[in-house]
Amino acid sequence: MFIGARTIKTGIAVTTTFLICKVFRIEPASFAAITAVVNMQPSVSKSLNNAWEQIGVHLLAATLSLIIGLLFGTNPISIGSGVIILILLCNKIGWSGGIVLGIVSIVFILDSPPEAFLTHAFARTLSIFVGVGVALLINRVLAPPRYKTKLLSTLHSLFLLTSTYFLESLHTFVQAGNLTSFQKPDPQELNDLLEEVIALNEHAREEINVADNPRLIERRLEICRGFIERGQSINEMTSQRVKRRQAAYSEQELHEINAEFQGVLDVLSAGKDKLAGLINTLSLTAYQKQDSELYCEDIFYWELFDKAIDEWNRKVSGVFYLRALMEVSVVATELRWADRRTKSLLNLLNK
C-alpha cells in the first residue's frame, strides 16, 4: 500500500506535538495534537500562503473566546454565538479558508470548566498554539512535492505519446492494403499514464493559478483521452478491413486497390499529415501564448474528401462497398474530431 507524504507528515506532527507537550508539561496534549492535524496542509503553496492566515485565525479565535468567556461565561449559547461572530469576522477580513480552524479553537477554549475558566482557557490556548506551531513547521520542512511541475511535464509526455498512437493508427489504416495480418496495439500503458496524470491534476489544483491556464490543462487531458479511445476505434476498422480483404481476395488481388478508393485513402493520408503538423505546433508551443492567426476548420479539405467518396461511389456498389464505406467513414469522423480539437486547443492557447 502506498503511503503518501501528507500521511507521513501528519503522523510526524502528532508525535512531535505529544513529545513537546510531555516535555513542557502542557495540557491537554490531545487538544494540541488535534489542532496540529487540522492545520496540516496538502501542498507546498497552500502551506506557505496560509501560514499567516492560520496564525491570525487562531489569535482571533483565542481572543474572542476569552472575551466571551469572561463576559458571558461558558455555555452552549456563548459557544454558538462565538462561532457566528468568528465566521462573520473571518469572511470580512478575507480569512474564509481558516474558519474551520478557528471554530475548533473556540470550541476547545469555551468548553473550559466555568469554575476555573481563565486557568483552563490559557492552558488550552497554549496547547492550541503548540499544535499550530508544529503544523506550520512540519508544513514547511516536510512539505509534499510540487505537483504542478510534474503534472505539466507528464501531461506533455502523455500528449506526445497519445497523439503518436492516434497518428500511427491513421497511417496503419491507410496502408492496410499491404497487410496480410494485423494485431491491434494494446493502449493499456497509455491508459495507465492517463490515470496517473489525472491524479496529478487533482493534487496540483491548489498550486495552479490563472496564469497556468487550468482550462487548457483540462482540455489537453480530454484530447489525450480522445486520442486513445478514437485510436482504438480506427485500429478496430483496420482489423476489420484486413480480415475482410483476406476473406474476399486472392493473394495477388490483395495488393490491388481500386484507383478511386486509393484516391480516398490519399485524401485521408493528406489529412493525417495536416493533423501531424497541428499536433507538432501544439507540442512545441506547450503552454506559451503565441501570436498567430485563428485556426479554422479546413472546409476545402473536406470538400475534397466528399468528392473522392463520390467518385468512388460511381465506380463500385454492393455489400462489400458498404462495409468499406463504413470503415472509411469511421476513420474520417475520428480524423475530423482530432483536427477540430487540436485547432480548438491552439486557439485557446492563443487567446
Foldseek 3Di string as FASTA:
>chain_A
DDDALLNVLLVVLLVVQLVVCVVVVFPPSVLLNVLLNVLADLALVCLVVCLVLQVVLLVVLLVLLVVLCVPPNQDPVSLVVSLVVSCVVCVVVVSNVCSVSSNSLSCQLSVDDRVPNVVSNVSSSVSSVSSSVSNSVSCNPSGGDQLVVVLLVLLLVLLVVLLVLLLVLLVCLLVLLPDLADDQDDCVVSVVSLVVSVVSCVSNVVVDDVLQPVVLSVLSSVVSVLSVVLSSVSSVLSRVVSVVCNVPDDPVCSNDDDPLVNQLSVLSVVLSVVLVVLSVVCSVCRQAADDDDQDDDDPVSVVSNVVSVVVVVVVDDDPVVVSVVVSSVSSVVSSSVSSVSSSVSNNSSHD
